[in-house]
Amino acid sequence: MILYFRILKFLAEAYPKEDTYVIRTSNEKLVFIACKIIVLLFK
């Protein structure tokens, strides 16, 4: 769970602050990608 939040924090920091709207609109996609990464890591 901590890793999940680290990934989301990394993705949030990867964008400039003025693009937070883009992050919010594509949040579901980011969560999906993060979950896929976690599933692959713990297989």
C-alpha atoms as a PDB file:
ATOM      1  CA  MET A   1       0.000   0.000   0.000  1.00  0.00           C
ATOM      2  CA  ILE A   2       2.894   2.372   0.779  1.00  0.00           C
ATOM      3  CA  LEU A   3       4.414   1.542  -2.627  1.00  0.00           C
ATOM      4  CA  TYR A   4       1.084   2.412  -4.273  1.00  0.00           C
ATOM      5  CA  PHE A   5       1.095   5.878  -2.712  1.00  0.00           C
ATOM      6  CA  ARG A   6       4.770   6.346  -3.626  1.00  0.00           C
ATOM      7  CA  ILE A   7       3.919   5.624  -7.272  1.00  0.00           C
ATOM      8  CA  LEU A   8       1.028   8.096  -7.219  1.00  0.00           C
ATOM      9  CA  LYS A   9       3.217  10.717  -5.539  1.00  0.00           C
ATOM     10  CA  PHE A  10       5.924  10.140  -8.158  1.00  0.00           C
ATOM     11  CA  LEU A  11       3.394  10.509 -10.979  1.00  0.00           C
ATOM     12  CA  ALA A  12       2.015  13.683  -9.395  1.00  0.00           C
ATOM     13  CA  GLU A  13       5.501  15.182  -9.043  1.00  0.00           C
ATOM     14  CA  ALA A  14       6.408  14.197 -12.605  1.00  0.00           C
ATOM     15  CA  TYR A  15       4.047  16.929 -13.863  1.00  0.00           C
ATOM     16  CA  PRO A  16       4.345  20.698 -13.369  1.00  0.00           C
ATOM     17  CA  LYS A  17       1.900  22.155 -10.845  1.00  0.00           C
ATOM     18  CA  GLU A  18      -0.221  23.871 -13.503  1.00  0.00           C
ATOM     19  CA  ASP A  19      -0.978  20.445 -15.023  1.00  0.00           C
ATOM     20  CA  THR A  20      -2.707  19.136 -11.882  1.00  0.00           C
ATOM     21  CA  TYR A  21      -6.011  19.292 -13.804  1.00  0.00           C
ATOM     22  CA  VAL A  22      -4.587  16.766 -16.273  1.00  0.00           C
ATOM     23  CA  ILE A  23      -3.580  14.498 -13.386  1.00  0.00           C
ATOM     24  CA  ARG A  24      -7.056  14.733 -11.869  1.00  0.00           C
ATOM     25  CA  THR A  25      -8.830  13.907 -15.138  1.00  0.00           C
ATOM     26  CA  SER A  26      -6.532  10.960 -15.872  1.00  0.00           C
ATOM     27  CA  ASN A  27      -6.426   9.841 -12.220  1.00  0.00           C
ATOM     28  CA  GLU A  28      -8.323   6.610 -12.927  1.00  0.00           C
ATOM     29  CA  LYS A  29      -5.834   5.714 -15.647  1.00  0.00           C
ATOM     30  CA  LEU A  30      -2.891   6.405 -13.315  1.00  0.00           C
ATOM     31  CA  VAL A  31      -4.439   4.259 -10.586  1.00  0.00           C
ATOM     32  CA  PHE A  32      -4.981   1.464 -13.120  1.00  0.00           C
ATOM     33  CA  ILE A  33      -1.345   1.658 -14.278  1.00  0.00           C
ATOM     34  CA  ALA A  34      -0.107   1.753 -10.662  1.00  0.00           C
ATOM     35  CA  CYS A  35      -2.204  -1.303  -9.805  1.00  0.00           C
ATOM     36  CA  LYS A  36      -0.829  -3.165 -12.840  1.00  0.00           C
ATOM     37  CA  ILE A  37       2.737  -2.343 -11.763  1.00  0.00           C
ATOM     38  CA  ILE A  38       2.017  -3.586  -8.225  1.00  0.00           C
ATOM     39  CA  VAL A  39       0.454  -6.808  -9.548  1.00  0.00           C
ATOM     40  CA  LEU A  40       3.539  -7.431 -11.725  1.00  0.00           C
ATOM     41  CA  LEU A  41       5.920  -6.734  -8.820  1.00  0.00           C
ATOM     42  CA  PHE A  42       4.160  -9.113  -6.432  1.00  0.00           C
ATOM     43  CA  LYS A  43       3.582 -11.981  -8.885  1.00  0.00           C
END
